[in-house]
Amino acid sequence: MDQLIKQLEKNNIKFKEYLYFAPYFRKRWEDAFVHHLNESEKEKLYLYGDRYYCGYLWHVFSNERKSHFVKTAANKAFDMKTKPKCYVFHQRLPEVLLIERANTLKATYFEQEEDVYIVDEHFTWTYVVTHESDFGPYYSEADYLN
């Protein structure tokens, strides 16, 4: 997260950091983008847990269980999206960043991040950068509005 914070500061993008809120945001992300799967299906995707693939929410995309854009199309979708306010959180870190006036955010700002999730304030869309060079980045929209 330090690299991202430096990138935001370098580009004069204001943000607030909240410690220990990430578990709540991961659950909200799951509710918005993986609600269509039952617990057994989530287990088969290694969506969470510490077995095998260590549990990553983005497995819903890499296992083709949720519609999404990938790679260049994902970057373009994210860059084109109107972003008045968004949240940034990682798969394993406890902090969450709130970025207001986030329209200037670009996909390139997240190139050095791993397992980072960006969502709008209502969790209607997400942009995800993974730690695997063969997977992601991903962009997807929720099937419903929160």
C-alpha atoms as a PDB file:
ATOM      1  CA  MET A   1       0.000   0.000   0.000  1.00  0.00           C
ATOM      2  CA  ASP A   2       2.982   2.294   0.551  1.00  0.00           C
ATOM      3  CA  GLN A   3       3.740   2.454  -3.176  1.00  0.00           C
ATOM      4  CA  LEU A   4       0.152   3.372  -3.961  1.00  0.00           C
ATOM      5  CA  ILE A   5       0.110   6.069  -1.297  1.00  0.00           C
ATOM      6  CA  LYS A   6       3.275   7.578  -2.801  1.00  0.00           C
ATOM      7  CA  GLN A   7       1.639   7.519  -6.244  1.00  0.00           C
ATOM      8  CA  LEU A   8      -1.473   9.271  -4.920  1.00  0.00           C
ATOM      9  CA  GLU A   9       0.571  11.917  -3.110  1.00  0.00           C
ATOM     10  CA  LYS A  10       2.740  12.479  -6.184  1.00  0.00           C
ATOM     11  CA  ASN A  11      -0.411  13.186  -8.206  1.00  0.00           C
ATOM     12  CA  ASN A  12      -1.976  15.371  -5.492  1.00  0.00           C
ATOM     13  CA  ILE A  13      -4.876  12.971  -5.015  1.00  0.00           C
ATOM     14  CA  LYS A  14      -6.406  13.396  -1.571  1.00  0.00           C
ATOM     15  CA  PHE A  15      -7.273  10.302   0.440  1.00  0.00           C
ATOM     16  CA  LYS A  16      -8.096   9.170   3.932  1.00  0.00           C
ATOM     17  CA  GLU A  17      -6.730   5.999   5.434  1.00  0.00           C
ATOM     18  CA  TYR A  18      -8.840   3.844   7.738  1.00  0.00           C
ATOM     19  CA  LEU A  19      -7.184   1.070   9.693  1.00  0.00           C
ATOM     20  CA  TYR A  20      -8.865  -2.261  10.393  1.00  0.00           C
ATOM     21  CA  PHE A  21     -11.842  -1.731   8.067  1.00  0.00           C
ATOM     22  CA  ALA A  22     -10.706  -4.126   5.323  1.00  0.00           C
ATOM     23  CA  PRO A  23     -12.569  -7.217   6.636  1.00  0.00           C
ATOM     24  CA  TYR A  24     -15.839  -5.297   6.387  1.00  0.00           C
ATOM     25  CA  PHE A  25     -15.016  -4.164   2.835  1.00  0.00           C
ATOM     26  CA  ARG A  26     -14.027  -7.672   1.740  1.00  0.00           C
ATOM     27  CA  LYS A  27     -17.385  -8.962   2.985  1.00  0.00           C
ATOM     28  CA  ARG A  28     -19.266  -6.156   1.207  1.00  0.00           C
ATOM     29  CA  TRP A  29     -17.307  -6.944  -1.969  1.00  0.00           C
ATOM     30  CA  GLU A  30     -18.257 -10.599  -1.681  1.00  0.00           C
ATOM     31  CA  ASP A  31     -21.916  -9.667  -1.131  1.00  0.00           C
ATOM     32  CA  ALA A  32     -21.906  -7.452  -4.224  1.00  0.00           C
ATOM     33  CA  PHE A  33     -19.912  -9.579  -6.668  1.00  0.00           C
ATOM     34  CA  VAL A  34     -20.217 -13.181  -5.472  1.00  0.00           C
ATOM     35  CA  HIS A  35     -23.737 -13.264  -4.049  1.00  0.00           C
ATOM     36  CA  HIS A  36     -24.896 -15.620  -6.808  1.00  0.00           C
ATOM     37  CA  LEU A  37     -22.713 -18.493  -5.519  1.00  0.00           C
ATOM     38  CA  ASN A  38     -23.569 -20.711  -2.569  1.00  0.00           C
ATOM     39  CA  GLU A  39     -21.055 -21.579   0.148  1.00  0.00           C
ATOM     40  CA  SER A  40     -20.074 -24.873  -1.505  1.00  0.00           C
ATOM     41  CA  GLU A  41     -19.344 -23.133  -4.812  1.00  0.00           C
ATOM     42  CA  LYS A  42     -17.298 -20.489  -3.017  1.00  0.00           C
ATOM     43  CA  GLU A  43     -15.257 -23.213  -1.315  1.00  0.00           C
ATOM     44  CA  LYS A  44     -14.565 -24.904  -4.680  1.00  0.00           C
ATOM     45  CA  LEU A  45     -13.181 -21.606  -5.995  1.00  0.00           C
ATOM     46  CA  TYR A  46     -10.943 -21.217  -2.944  1.00  0.00           C
ATOM     47  CA  LEU A  47     -12.608 -17.859  -2.472  1.00  0.00           C
ATOM     48  CA  TYR A  48     -11.368 -17.716   1.091  1.00  0.00           C
ATOM     49  CA  GLY A  49      -9.492 -19.861   3.529  1.00  0.00           C
ATOM     50  CA  ASP A  50      -5.897 -20.886   3.807  1.00  0.00           C
ATOM     51  CA  ARG A  51      -5.892 -24.124   1.841  1.00  0.00           C
ATOM     52  CA  TYR A  52      -4.424 -24.573  -1.636  1.00  0.00           C
ATOM     53  CA  TYR A  53      -4.689 -21.169  -3.295  1.00  0.00           C
ATOM     54  CA  CYS A  54      -4.944 -19.229  -0.018  1.00  0.00           C
ATOM     55  CA  GLY A  55      -8.343 -17.774  -0.764  1.00  0.00           C
ATOM     56  CA  TYR A  56      -8.659 -14.822  -3.104  1.00  0.00           C
ATOM     57  CA  LEU A  57     -11.921 -13.078  -3.873  1.00  0.00           C
ATOM     58  CA  TRP A  58     -10.802 -12.504  -7.459  1.00  0.00           C
ATOM     59  CA  HIS A  59     -11.007 -16.254  -8.091  1.00  0.00           C
ATOM     60  CA  VAL A  60     -14.628 -15.592  -9.040  1.00  0.00           C
ATOM     61  CA  PHE A  61     -13.220 -13.965 -12.200  1.00  0.00           C
ATOM     62  CA  SER A  62     -10.321 -16.309 -12.942  1.00  0.00           C
ATOM     63  CA  ASN A  63     -12.743 -19.247 -12.696  1.00  0.00           C
ATOM     64  CA  GLU A  64     -15.192 -17.512 -15.033  1.00  0.00           C
ATOM     65  CA  ARG A  65     -18.010 -17.437 -12.470  1.00  0.00           C
ATOM     66  CA  LYS A  66     -18.772 -13.728 -12.899  1.00  0.00           C
ATOM     67  CA  SER A  67     -18.806 -11.644 -16.066  1.00  0.00           C
ATOM     68  CA  HIS A  68     -15.859  -9.301 -16.360  1.00  0.00           C
ATOM     69  CA  PHE A  69     -13.376  -7.530 -18.579  1.00  0.00           C
ATOM     70  CA  VAL A  70      -9.743  -8.565 -18.361  1.00  0.00           C
ATOM     71  CA  LYS A  71      -6.338  -6.998 -19.046  1.00  0.00           C
ATOM     72  CA  THR A  72      -6.475  -4.056 -21.500  1.00  0.00           C
ATOM     73  CA  ALA A  73     -10.283  -4.032 -21.638  1.00  0.00           C
ATOM     74  CA  ALA A  74     -10.415  -3.930 -17.816  1.00  0.00           C
ATOM     75  CA  ASN A  75      -7.920  -1.075 -17.669  1.00  0.00           C
ATOM     76  CA  LYS A  76      -9.877   0.883 -20.264  1.00  0.00           C
ATOM     77  CA  ALA A  77     -13.206   0.275 -18.476  1.00  0.00           C
ATOM     78  CA  PHE A  78     -11.710   1.489 -15.207  1.00  0.00           C
ATOM     79  CA  ASP A  79     -10.077   4.548 -16.762  1.00  0.00           C
ATOM     80  CA  MET A  80     -13.325   5.534 -18.502  1.00  0.00           C
ATOM     81  CA  LYS A  81     -15.517   5.048 -15.414  1.00  0.00           C
ATOM     82  CA  THR A  82     -16.776   8.137 -13.608  1.00  0.00           C
ATOM     83  CA  LYS A  83     -15.280   7.889 -10.133  1.00  0.00           C
ATOM     84  CA  PRO A  84     -16.516  10.616  -7.794  1.00  0.00           C
ATOM     85  CA  LYS A  85     -15.493   8.553  -4.762  1.00  0.00           C
ATOM     86  CA  CYS A  86     -13.957   5.117  -4.354  1.00  0.00           C
ATOM     87  CA  TYR A  87     -12.423   2.769  -1.834  1.00  0.00           C
ATOM     88  CA  VAL A  88      -9.199   0.817  -2.163  1.00  0.00           C
ATOM     89  CA  PHE A  89      -8.392  -2.249  -0.090  1.00  0.00           C
ATOM     90  CA  HIS A  90      -6.165  -5.311  -0.299  1.00  0.00           C
ATOM     91  CA  GLN A  91      -6.896  -8.981   0.120  1.00  0.00           C
ATOM     92  CA  ARG A  92      -4.696  -9.350   3.194  1.00  0.00           C
ATOM     93  CA  LEU A  93      -3.989  -5.871   4.595  1.00  0.00           C
ATOM     94  CA  PRO A  94      -6.144  -4.222   7.284  1.00  0.00           C
ATOM     95  CA  GLU A  95      -6.380  -0.676   5.928  1.00  0.00           C
ATOM     96  CA  VAL A  96      -8.786   0.909   3.467  1.00  0.00           C
ATOM     97  CA  LEU A  97      -8.249   4.104   1.513  1.00  0.00           C
ATOM     98  CA  LEU A  98     -11.128   6.446   0.765  1.00  0.00           C
ATOM     99  CA  ILE A  99     -10.405   8.553  -2.292  1.00  0.00           C
ATOM    100  CA  GLU A 100     -12.755  11.442  -2.954  1.00  0.00           C
ATOM    101  CA  ARG A 101     -12.735  13.111  -6.342  1.00  0.00           C
ATOM    102  CA  ALA A 102     -11.208   9.946  -7.759  1.00  0.00           C
ATOM    103  CA  ASN A 103     -11.918  10.684 -11.430  1.00  0.00           C
ATOM    104  CA  THR A 104      -8.219  11.235 -12.049  1.00  0.00           C
ATOM    105  CA  LEU A 105      -7.342   7.706 -10.897  1.00  0.00           C
ATOM    106  CA  LYS A 106      -5.915   5.588 -13.699  1.00  0.00           C
ATOM    107  CA  ALA A 107      -5.227   1.887 -13.952  1.00  0.00           C
ATOM    108  CA  THR A 108      -1.497   2.609 -14.201  1.00  0.00           C
ATOM    109  CA  TYR A 109      -1.517   3.830 -10.570  1.00  0.00           C
ATOM    110  CA  PHE A 110      -2.143   0.251  -9.455  1.00  0.00           C
ATOM    111  CA  GLU A 111       0.387  -1.583 -11.628  1.00  0.00           C
ATOM    112  CA  GLN A 112       2.753  -2.219  -8.707  1.00  0.00           C
ATOM    113  CA  GLU A 113      -0.023  -3.407  -6.387  1.00  0.00           C
ATOM    114  CA  GLU A 114      -0.966  -7.009  -5.712  1.00  0.00           C
ATOM    115  CA  ASP A 115      -4.421  -8.269  -4.790  1.00  0.00           C
ATOM    116  CA  VAL A 116      -5.896  -4.792  -4.597  1.00  0.00           C
ATOM    117  CA  TYR A 117      -9.617  -4.109  -4.982  1.00  0.00           C
ATOM    118  CA  ILE A 118     -11.051  -0.760  -6.017  1.00  0.00           C
ATOM    119  CA  VAL A 119     -14.796  -0.124  -5.723  1.00  0.00           C
ATOM    120  CA  ASP A 120     -17.109   2.830  -5.957  1.00  0.00           C
ATOM    121  CA  GLU A 121     -18.858   3.969  -2.803  1.00  0.00           C
ATOM    122  CA  HIS A 122     -21.936   1.825  -3.559  1.00  0.00           C
ATOM    123  CA  PHE A 123     -20.060  -1.300  -4.699  1.00  0.00           C
ATOM    124  CA  THR A 124     -21.642  -1.159  -8.152  1.00  0.00           C
ATOM    125  CA  TRP A 125     -18.338  -1.818  -9.958  1.00  0.00           C
ATOM    126  CA  THR A 126     -14.894  -3.139  -9.110  1.00  0.00           C
ATOM    127  CA  TYR A 127     -11.411  -3.093 -10.544  1.00  0.00           C
ATOM    128  CA  VAL A 128      -9.031  -5.771  -9.264  1.00  0.00           C
ATOM    129  CA  VAL A 129      -5.282  -6.186  -9.720  1.00  0.00           C
ATOM    130  CA  THR A 130      -3.929  -9.606  -8.754  1.00  0.00           C
ATOM    131  CA  HIS A 131      -0.508 -10.899  -7.753  1.00  0.00           C
ATOM    132  CA  GLU A 132      -0.534 -13.261 -10.759  1.00  0.00           C
ATOM    133  CA  SER A 133       0.729 -11.831 -14.042  1.00  0.00           C
ATOM    134  CA  ASP A 134      -1.418 -14.308 -15.996  1.00  0.00           C
ATOM    135  CA  PHE A 135      -4.607 -13.255 -14.201  1.00  0.00           C
ATOM    136  CA  GLY A 136      -6.188  -9.832 -14.257  1.00  0.00           C
ATOM    137  CA  PRO A 137      -6.523  -7.059 -13.937  1.00  0.00           C
ATOM    138  CA  TYR A 138     -10.288  -7.471 -13.890  1.00  0.00           C
ATOM    139  CA  TYR A 139     -13.170  -5.046 -14.139  1.00  0.00           C
ATOM    140  CA  SER A 140     -16.746  -6.036 -13.358  1.00  0.00           C
ATOM    141  CA  GLU A 141     -20.062  -4.525 -12.459  1.00  0.00           C
ATOM    142  CA  ALA A 142     -22.413  -5.789  -9.771  1.00  0.00           C
ATOM    143  CA  ASP A 143     -25.629  -7.424 -10.903  1.00  0.00           C
ATOM    144  CA  TYR A 144     -27.625  -5.226  -8.574  1.00  0.00           C
ATOM    145  CA  LEU A 145     -27.313  -1.884  -6.882  1.00  0.00           C
ATOM    146  CA  ASN A 146     -26.748  -1.777  -3.121  1.00  0.00           C
END
